[in-house]
Amino acid sequence: MTNQVDSSGASVAEQLRRQRDEASTLMPTPWPDLTQLAELNFRHKVGIIAQRGTREAKVGRDVAVHAANTGLPVVLFTGYPPSTQPKTLVVKEIPDPTDSHVNAAAKIHIEGRTPRLIVIERYERLTREPHEPYSEPMHDLIDEVSEEESWGDRLMWTVRNIRVNIPVLLTTVVDEVPDLARPLGRWLHIDHPANVMTDVCKPTIVLARSGSESVEARLEVDPHEYRSGERSTLAWKPLPRSS
């Protein structure tokens, strides 16, 4: 039996091994502590929440630029393109991207390769396809009162319709200083984007600055389950303004 090879001369087994190695490798971030906590690999959807206007609120851009600077092909959905755009970073400034936009972005070619990471800043901008309702109205079995899906439900299903084979980082913000002592559901409305994030992102991480070079993180949702609710301090040196 003859082994199939690709254009580089690699056999099928070697190709599969390379793909597995790539999938398991953590996507780098500017902060090693965050890299380990976020676990941006495989098909993970990772959510990060920070206070509006803080340095942490632009974590999506910072991670996208950093990963691209290491040579990885990255797609960034944002309304605020970074001043530094490495050649392996593709920025998409679609005002209201759909799940189809995201799914298609995972298939583009950047410098001859498909993306290894997708970042969606202010993920609540995601919207459904105009011709595809999420579902029929829900009916109460007791009194037969029809109830339309909430905005939060629609956002949740849009994220779930993102089906890609690479990690996706989603970010959002809250107006107040995050209360890391309590679960999000205790201090945010159920339909707030940060709350919705907990239904679709594992892990979901809430950040609050604790020092000039550190942030405190609450693991709101842990993919391994046993750590949910845990808090830790992450080394978080400010990045140069040009980044």
C-alpha atoms as a PDB file:
ATOM      1  CA  MET A   1       0.000   0.000   0.000  1.00  0.00           C
ATOM      2  CA  THR A   2       1.388   3.380  -1.019  1.00  0.00           C
ATOM      3  CA  ASN A   3       1.299   6.215   1.496  1.00  0.00           C
ATOM      4  CA  GLN A   4      -0.281   9.412   0.193  1.00  0.00           C
ATOM      5  CA  VAL A   5       1.835  12.533   0.508  1.00  0.00           C
ATOM      6  CA  ASP A   6       1.094  16.251   0.298  1.00  0.00           C
ATOM      7  CA  SER A   7       3.008  18.906  -1.652  1.00  0.00           C
ATOM      8  CA  SER A   8       5.624  19.090   1.117  1.00  0.00           C
ATOM      9  CA  GLY A   9       6.236  15.347   0.950  1.00  0.00           C
ATOM     10  CA  ALA A  10       4.481  14.582   4.251  1.00  0.00           C
ATOM     11  CA  SER A  11       2.522  11.331   4.492  1.00  0.00           C
ATOM     12  CA  VAL A  12      -1.116  11.258   5.585  1.00  0.00           C
ATOM     13  CA  ALA A  13      -0.040  10.067   9.040  1.00  0.00           C
ATOM     14  CA  GLU A  14       2.423  12.933   9.318  1.00  0.00           C
ATOM     15  CA  GLN A  15      -0.223  15.418   8.185  1.00  0.00           C
ATOM     16  CA  LEU A  16      -2.668  14.153  10.813  1.00  0.00           C
ATOM     17  CA  ARG A  17      -0.023  14.277  13.521  1.00  0.00           C
ATOM     18  CA  ARG A  18       0.857  17.836  12.548  1.00  0.00           C
ATOM     19  CA  GLN A  19      -2.817  18.834  12.640  1.00  0.00           C
ATOM     20  CA  ARG A  20      -3.248  17.291  16.100  1.00  0.00           C
ATOM     21  CA  ASP A  21      -0.160  19.082  17.374  1.00  0.00           C
ATOM     22  CA  GLU A  22      -1.396  22.401  16.010  1.00  0.00           C
ATOM     23  CA  ALA A  23      -4.856  21.910  17.492  1.00  0.00           C
ATOM     24  CA  SER A  24      -3.502  21.132  20.954  1.00  0.00           C
ATOM     25  CA  THR A  25      -1.049  24.040  21.040  1.00  0.00           C
ATOM     26  CA  LEU A  26      -2.211  26.960  23.177  1.00  0.00           C
ATOM     27  CA  MET A  27      -2.557  30.209  21.257  1.00  0.00           C
ATOM     28  CA  PRO A  28      -0.081  32.710  22.718  1.00  0.00           C
ATOM     29  CA  THR A  29      -1.212  35.892  24.460  1.00  0.00           C
ATOM     30  CA  PRO A  30       0.902  38.823  25.690  1.00  0.00           C
ATOM     31  CA  TRP A  31       0.529  37.476  29.241  1.00  0.00           C
ATOM     32  CA  PRO A  32       1.651  33.885  29.991  1.00  0.00           C
ATOM     33  CA  ASP A  33      -0.702  33.615  32.979  1.00  0.00           C
ATOM     34  CA  LEU A  34      -3.668  34.403  30.726  1.00  0.00           C
ATOM     35  CA  THR A  35      -2.400  31.964  28.101  1.00  0.00           C
ATOM     36  CA  GLN A  36      -2.581  29.118  30.612  1.00  0.00           C
ATOM     37  CA  LEU A  37      -5.934  30.155  32.077  1.00  0.00           C
ATOM     38  CA  ALA A  38      -7.733  30.800  28.786  1.00  0.00           C
ATOM     39  CA  GLU A  39      -6.654  27.561  27.074  1.00  0.00           C
ATOM     40  CA  LEU A  40      -7.123  28.883  23.547  1.00  0.00           C
ATOM     41  CA  ASN A  41      -6.752  25.635  21.643  1.00  0.00           C
ATOM     42  CA  PHE A  42      -8.783  22.962  19.853  1.00  0.00           C
ATOM     43  CA  ARG A  43     -12.310  24.285  19.136  1.00  0.00           C
ATOM     44  CA  HIS A  44     -12.671  26.140  22.411  1.00  0.00           C
ATOM     45  CA  LYS A  45     -14.831  29.239  22.553  1.00  0.00           C
ATOM     46  CA  VAL A  46     -13.248  31.411  25.228  1.00  0.00           C
ATOM     47  CA  GLY A  47     -14.971  34.461  26.713  1.00  0.00           C
ATOM     48  CA  ILE A  48     -13.307  37.383  28.503  1.00  0.00           C
ATOM     49  CA  ILE A  49     -15.182  40.136  30.351  1.00  0.00           C
ATOM     50  CA  ALA A  50     -13.635  43.418  31.519  1.00  0.00           C
ATOM     51  CA  GLN A  51     -14.750  46.880  32.607  1.00  0.00           C
ATOM     52  CA  ARG A  52     -15.456  49.348  29.822  1.00  0.00           C
ATOM     53  CA  GLY A  53     -12.648  51.848  29.243  1.00  0.00           C
ATOM     54  CA  THR A  54      -9.915  49.846  30.974  1.00  0.00           C
ATOM     55  CA  ARG A  55      -6.778  48.454  29.379  1.00  0.00           C
ATOM     56  CA  GLU A  56      -8.212  44.981  29.823  1.00  0.00           C
ATOM     57  CA  ALA A  57     -11.227  45.908  27.673  1.00  0.00           C
ATOM     58  CA  LYS A  58      -9.006  45.757  24.570  1.00  0.00           C
ATOM     59  CA  VAL A  59      -7.720  42.285  25.374  1.00  0.00           C
ATOM     60  CA  GLY A  60      -9.124  40.950  22.090  1.00  0.00           C
ATOM     61  CA  ARG A  61      -7.060  43.297  19.940  1.00  0.00           C
ATOM     62  CA  ASP A  62      -3.989  42.746  22.086  1.00  0.00           C
ATOM     63  CA  VAL A  63      -4.217  38.964  21.804  1.00  0.00           C
ATOM     64  CA  ALA A  64      -4.888  39.085  18.048  1.00  0.00           C
ATOM     65  CA  VAL A  65      -1.888  41.329  17.363  1.00  0.00           C
ATOM     66  CA  HIS A  66       0.384  39.322  19.653  1.00  0.00           C
ATOM     67  CA  ALA A  67      -0.550  35.977  18.087  1.00  0.00           C
ATOM     68  CA  ALA A  68      -0.108  37.395  14.583  1.00  0.00           C
ATOM     69  CA  ASN A  69       3.276  38.821  15.546  1.00  0.00           C
ATOM     70  CA  THR A  70       4.410  35.262  16.284  1.00  0.00           C
ATOM     71  CA  GLY A  71       3.544  34.376  12.687  1.00  0.00           C
ATOM     72  CA  LEU A  72       0.155  32.767  13.289  1.00  0.00           C
ATOM     73  CA  PRO A  73      -2.669  33.615  10.856  1.00  0.00           C
ATOM     74  CA  VAL A  74      -5.396  35.411  12.826  1.00  0.00           C
ATOM     75  CA  VAL A  75      -8.773  36.984  11.984  1.00  0.00           C
ATOM     76  CA  LEU A  76     -10.008  39.863  14.153  1.00  0.00           C
ATOM     77  CA  PHE A  77     -13.606  41.111  14.071  1.00  0.00           C
ATOM     78  CA  THR A  78     -13.618  44.593  15.585  1.00  0.00           C
ATOM     79  CA  GLY A  79     -14.916  48.122  15.222  1.00  0.00           C
ATOM     80  CA  TYR A  80     -11.584  49.499  16.416  1.00  0.00           C
ATOM     81  CA  PRO A  81      -8.736  48.177  14.265  1.00  0.00           C
ATOM     82  CA  PRO A  82      -5.349  48.112  15.989  1.00  0.00           C
ATOM     83  CA  SER A  83      -2.713  50.606  14.908  1.00  0.00           C
ATOM     84  CA  THR A  84      -0.298  47.727  14.410  1.00  0.00           C
ATOM     85  CA  GLN A  85      -1.424  45.128  11.873  1.00  0.00           C
ATOM     86  CA  PRO A  86       1.045  42.296  11.215  1.00  0.00           C
ATOM     87  CA  LYS A  87       0.849  40.715   7.776  1.00  0.00           C
ATOM     88  CA  THR A  88      -0.746  37.553   9.189  1.00  0.00           C
ATOM     89  CA  LEU A  89      -3.582  39.527  10.823  1.00  0.00           C
ATOM     90  CA  VAL A  90      -6.794  40.070   8.859  1.00  0.00           C
ATOM     91  CA  VAL A  91      -9.104  42.700  10.368  1.00  0.00           C
ATOM     92  CA  LYS A  92     -12.806  42.593   9.545  1.00  0.00           C
ATOM     93  CA  GLU A  93     -14.725  45.765  10.422  1.00  0.00           C
ATOM     94  CA  ILE A  94     -18.195  44.391   9.695  1.00  0.00           C
ATOM     95  CA  PRO A  95     -20.597  46.390  11.940  1.00  0.00           C
ATOM     96  CA  ASP A  96     -22.920  43.462  12.674  1.00  0.00           C
ATOM     97  CA  PRO A  97     -21.178  40.221  11.728  1.00  0.00           C
ATOM     98  CA  THR A  98     -23.213  37.042  11.447  1.00  0.00           C
ATOM     99  CA  ASP A  99     -22.274  33.505  12.361  1.00  0.00           C
ATOM    100  CA  SER A 100     -21.864  32.879   8.625  1.00  0.00           C
ATOM    101  CA  HIS A 101     -19.273  35.661   8.422  1.00  0.00           C
ATOM    102  CA  VAL A 102     -17.309  33.998  11.213  1.00  0.00           C
ATOM    103  CA  ASN A 103     -17.609  30.502   9.764  1.00  0.00           C
ATOM    104  CA  ALA A 104     -16.428  31.796   6.382  1.00  0.00           C
ATOM    105  CA  ALA A 105     -13.499  33.645   7.974  1.00  0.00           C
ATOM    106  CA  ALA A 106     -12.116  30.349   9.260  1.00  0.00           C
ATOM    107  CA  LYS A 107     -11.673  29.184   5.657  1.00  0.00           C
ATOM    108  CA  ILE A 108      -9.842  32.146   4.147  1.00  0.00           C
ATOM    109  CA  HIS A 109      -6.146  32.008   3.329  1.00  0.00           C
ATOM    110  CA  ILE A 110      -3.680  34.325   5.042  1.00  0.00           C
ATOM    111  CA  GLU A 111      -0.164  34.168   3.647  1.00  0.00           C
ATOM    112  CA  GLY A 112      -1.024  30.759   2.218  1.00  0.00           C
ATOM    113  CA  ARG A 113      -2.480  29.304   5.429  1.00  0.00           C
ATOM    114  CA  THR A 114      -5.904  29.084   7.014  1.00  0.00           C
ATOM    115  CA  PRO A 115      -6.468  30.948  10.319  1.00  0.00           C
ATOM    116  CA  ARG A 116      -5.375  29.453  13.619  1.00  0.00           C
ATOM    117  CA  LEU A 117      -7.410  31.873  15.762  1.00  0.00           C
ATOM    118  CA  ILE A 118     -10.513  34.053  15.446  1.00  0.00           C
ATOM    119  CA  VAL A 119     -11.093  36.982  17.801  1.00  0.00           C
ATOM    120  CA  ILE A 120     -14.466  38.748  18.091  1.00  0.00           C
ATOM    121  CA  GLU A 121     -14.423  41.978  20.082  1.00  0.00           C
ATOM    122  CA  ARG A 122     -17.716  43.133  21.607  1.00  0.00           C
ATOM    123  CA  TYR A 123     -19.265  39.862  20.559  1.00  0.00           C
ATOM    124  CA  GLU A 124     -22.758  41.188  21.252  1.00  0.00           C
ATOM    125  CA  ARG A 125     -22.519  42.803  17.797  1.00  0.00           C
ATOM    126  CA  LEU A 126     -23.115  39.344  16.346  1.00  0.00           C
ATOM    127  CA  THR A 127     -26.471  39.069  14.632  1.00  0.00           C
ATOM    128  CA  ARG A 128     -28.500  36.331  13.002  1.00  0.00           C
ATOM    129  CA  GLU A 129     -28.921  35.828   9.293  1.00  0.00           C
ATOM    130  CA  PRO A 130     -31.947  37.928   8.196  1.00  0.00           C
ATOM    131  CA  HIS A 131     -33.610  34.955   6.497  1.00  0.00           C
ATOM    132  CA  GLU A 132     -33.046  32.463   9.310  1.00  0.00           C
ATOM    133  CA  PRO A 133     -35.267  32.804  12.391  1.00  0.00           C
ATOM    134  CA  TYR A 134     -33.817  31.049  15.414  1.00  0.00           C
ATOM    135  CA  SER A 135     -36.920  29.037  16.165  1.00  0.00           C
ATOM    136  CA  GLU A 136     -40.664  29.152  16.323  1.00  0.00           C
ATOM    137  CA  PRO A 137     -42.157  31.112  19.250  1.00  0.00           C
ATOM    138  CA  MET A 138     -42.126  29.069  22.428  1.00  0.00           C
ATOM    139  CA  HIS A 139     -45.500  28.037  23.825  1.00  0.00           C
ATOM    140  CA  ASP A 140     -46.253  27.699  27.513  1.00  0.00           C
ATOM    141  CA  LEU A 141     -47.717  24.248  28.094  1.00  0.00           C
ATOM    142  CA  ILE A 142     -49.858  25.520  30.971  1.00  0.00           C
ATOM    143  CA  ASP A 143     -51.619  28.600  29.688  1.00  0.00           C
ATOM    144  CA  GLU A 144     -50.617  28.474  26.000  1.00  0.00           C
ATOM    145  CA  VAL A 145     -49.183  31.990  26.146  1.00  0.00           C
ATOM    146  CA  SER A 146     -46.709  32.565  23.319  1.00  0.00           C
ATOM    147  CA  GLU A 147     -43.359  34.022  24.241  1.00  0.00           C
ATOM    148  CA  GLU A 148     -40.812  35.366  21.795  1.00  0.00           C
ATOM    149  CA  GLU A 149     -37.166  34.498  22.303  1.00  0.00           C
ATOM    150  CA  SER A 150     -35.250  37.099  24.254  1.00  0.00           C
ATOM    151  CA  TRP A 151     -32.348  39.077  22.815  1.00  0.00           C
ATOM    152  CA  GLY A 152     -30.020  37.009  24.987  1.00  0.00           C
ATOM    153  CA  ASP A 153     -31.409  33.762  23.566  1.00  0.00           C
ATOM    154  CA  ARG A 154     -30.843  35.005  20.026  1.00  0.00           C
ATOM    155  CA  LEU A 155     -27.259  35.970  20.832  1.00  0.00           C
ATOM    156  CA  MET A 156     -26.644  32.596  22.455  1.00  0.00           C
ATOM    157  CA  TRP A 157     -27.870  30.685  19.406  1.00  0.00           C
ATOM    158  CA  THR A 158     -25.848  32.879  17.058  1.00  0.00           C
ATOM    159  CA  VAL A 159     -22.659  31.979  18.925  1.00  0.00           C
ATOM    160  CA  ARG A 160     -23.610  28.313  18.974  1.00  0.00           C
ATOM    161  CA  ASN A 161     -23.974  28.469  15.191  1.00  0.00           C
ATOM    162  CA  ILE A 162     -20.299  29.367  14.925  1.00  0.00           C
ATOM    163  CA  ARG A 163     -18.859  26.002  13.943  1.00  0.00           C
ATOM    164  CA  VAL A 164     -15.152  26.170  13.262  1.00  0.00           C
ATOM    165  CA  ASN A 165     -12.226  23.866  13.973  1.00  0.00           C
ATOM    166  CA  ILE A 166     -10.053  26.532  15.604  1.00  0.00           C
ATOM    167  CA  PRO A 167     -10.288  28.453  18.886  1.00  0.00           C
ATOM    168  CA  VAL A 168     -12.451  31.580  19.063  1.00  0.00           C
ATOM    169  CA  LEU A 169     -11.911  34.369  21.589  1.00  0.00           C
ATOM    170  CA  LEU A 170     -14.970  36.509  22.340  1.00  0.00           C
ATOM    171  CA  THR A 171     -14.868  39.644  24.476  1.00  0.00           C
ATOM    172  CA  THR A 172     -17.393  41.995  26.046  1.00  0.00           C
ATOM    173  CA  VAL A 173     -17.494  44.732  28.682  1.00  0.00           C
ATOM    174  CA  VAL A 174     -19.459  45.777  31.746  1.00  0.00           C
ATOM    175  CA  ASP A 175     -19.969  49.361  32.928  1.00  0.00           C
ATOM    176  CA  GLU A 176     -19.212  48.810  36.598  1.00  0.00           C
ATOM    177  CA  VAL A 177     -16.113  47.450  38.308  1.00  0.00           C
ATOM    178  CA  PRO A 178     -16.545  43.652  38.084  1.00  0.00           C
ATOM    179  CA  ASP A 179     -17.647  42.098  41.374  1.00  0.00           C
ATOM    180  CA  LEU A 180     -15.398  39.056  41.462  1.00  0.00           C
ATOM    181  CA  ALA A 181     -16.795  37.934  44.814  1.00  0.00           C
ATOM    182  CA  ARG A 182     -20.162  37.020  43.282  1.00  0.00           C
ATOM    183  CA  PRO A 183     -21.364  35.078  40.243  1.00  0.00           C
ATOM    184  CA  LEU A 184     -22.306  37.255  37.263  1.00  0.00           C
ATOM    185  CA  GLY A 185     -25.962  36.329  37.626  1.00  0.00           C
ATOM    186  CA  ARG A 186     -26.047  38.038  41.016  1.00  0.00           C
ATOM    187  CA  TRP A 187     -25.145  41.487  39.704  1.00  0.00           C
ATOM    188  CA  LEU A 188     -26.013  41.511  35.995  1.00  0.00           C
ATOM    189  CA  HIS A 189     -29.293  41.119  34.109  1.00  0.00           C
ATOM    190  CA  ILE A 190     -29.829  37.648  32.687  1.00  0.00           C
ATOM    191  CA  ASP A 191     -29.727  39.012  29.112  1.00  0.00           C
ATOM    192  CA  HIS A 192     -26.530  41.026  29.575  1.00  0.00           C
ATOM    193  CA  PRO A 193     -23.919  39.871  27.026  1.00  0.00           C
ATOM    194  CA  ALA A 194     -21.554  38.910  29.850  1.00  0.00           C
ATOM    195  CA  ASN A 195     -24.189  36.636  31.355  1.00  0.00           C
ATOM    196  CA  VAL A 196     -25.071  35.116  27.983  1.00  0.00           C
ATOM    197  CA  MET A 197     -21.381  34.404  27.465  1.00  0.00           C
ATOM    198  CA  THR A 198     -21.434  31.881  30.320  1.00  0.00           C
ATOM    199  CA  ASP A 199     -23.785  29.673  28.280  1.00  0.00           C
ATOM    200  CA  VAL A 200     -21.514  29.472  25.254  1.00  0.00           C
ATOM    201  CA  CYS A 201     -17.915  30.000  26.374  1.00  0.00           C
ATOM    202  CA  LYS A 202     -15.781  27.548  28.329  1.00  0.00           C
ATOM    203  CA  PRO A 203     -13.930  29.114  29.952  1.00  0.00           C
ATOM    204  CA  THR A 204     -15.555  32.461  30.706  1.00  0.00           C
ATOM    205  CA  ILE A 205     -13.132  34.752  32.542  1.00  0.00           C
ATOM    206  CA  VAL A 206     -13.932  38.014  34.350  1.00  0.00           C
ATOM    207  CA  LEU A 207     -11.051  40.462  34.798  1.00  0.00           C
ATOM    208  CA  ALA A 208     -10.528  43.359  37.210  1.00  0.00           C
ATOM    209  CA  ARG A 209      -7.283  45.282  37.644  1.00  0.00           C
ATOM    210  CA  SER A 210      -5.629  44.681  40.996  1.00  0.00           C
ATOM    211  CA  GLY A 211      -2.340  46.529  40.513  1.00  0.00           C
ATOM    212  CA  SER A 212      -0.202  48.392  38.012  1.00  0.00           C
ATOM    213  CA  GLU A 213       1.062  45.091  36.598  1.00  0.00           C
ATOM    214  CA  SER A 214      -1.582  42.588  37.674  1.00  0.00           C
ATOM    215  CA  VAL A 215      -5.245  41.746  37.257  1.00  0.00           C
ATOM    216  CA  GLU A 216      -7.516  39.537  39.311  1.00  0.00           C
ATOM    217  CA  ALA A 217      -9.421  36.932  37.351  1.00  0.00           C
ATOM    218  CA  ARG A 218     -12.555  35.004  38.256  1.00  0.00           C
ATOM    219  CA  LEU A 219     -13.085  31.775  36.353  1.00  0.00           C
ATOM    220  CA  GLU A 220     -16.836  32.163  35.938  1.00  0.00           C
ATOM    221  CA  VAL A 221     -17.143  28.996  33.864  1.00  0.00           C
ATOM    222  CA  ASP A 222     -14.416  26.365  33.860  1.00  0.00           C
ATOM    223  CA  PRO A 223     -14.183  23.749  31.088  1.00  0.00           C
ATOM    224  CA  HIS A 224     -12.939  21.287  33.706  1.00  0.00           C
ATOM    225  CA  GLU A 225     -15.894  22.202  35.986  1.00  0.00           C
ATOM    226  CA  TYR A 226     -14.162  21.829  39.330  1.00  0.00           C
ATOM    227  CA  ARG A 227     -12.518  25.284  39.173  1.00  0.00           C
ATOM    228  CA  SER A 228     -15.625  27.367  38.425  1.00  0.00           C
ATOM    229  CA  GLY A 229     -15.742  30.380  40.723  1.00  0.00           C
ATOM    230  CA  GLU A 230     -12.027  30.285  41.507  1.00  0.00           C
ATOM    231  CA  ARG A 231     -10.087  33.544  41.595  1.00  0.00           C
ATOM    232  CA  SER A 232      -6.431  34.101  40.793  1.00  0.00           C
ATOM    233  CA  THR A 233      -3.999  36.943  40.236  1.00  0.00           C
ATOM    234  CA  LEU A 234      -2.456  37.186  36.776  1.00  0.00           C
ATOM    235  CA  ALA A 235       0.737  39.048  35.925  1.00  0.00           C
ATOM    236  CA  TRP A 236      -0.411  41.665  33.412  1.00  0.00           C
ATOM    237  CA  LYS A 237       2.206  44.185  32.373  1.00  0.00           C
ATOM    238  CA  PRO A 238       0.846  47.099  30.316  1.00  0.00           C
ATOM    239  CA  LEU A 239       1.673  46.874  26.620  1.00  0.00           C
ATOM    240  CA  PRO A 240       3.335  49.657  24.625  1.00  0.00           C
ATOM    241  CA  ARG A 241       0.752  52.106  23.316  1.00  0.00           C
ATOM    242  CA  SER A 242       1.701  51.359  19.731  1.00  0.00           C
ATOM    243  CA  SER A 243       0.298  47.820  20.082  1.00  0.00           C
END
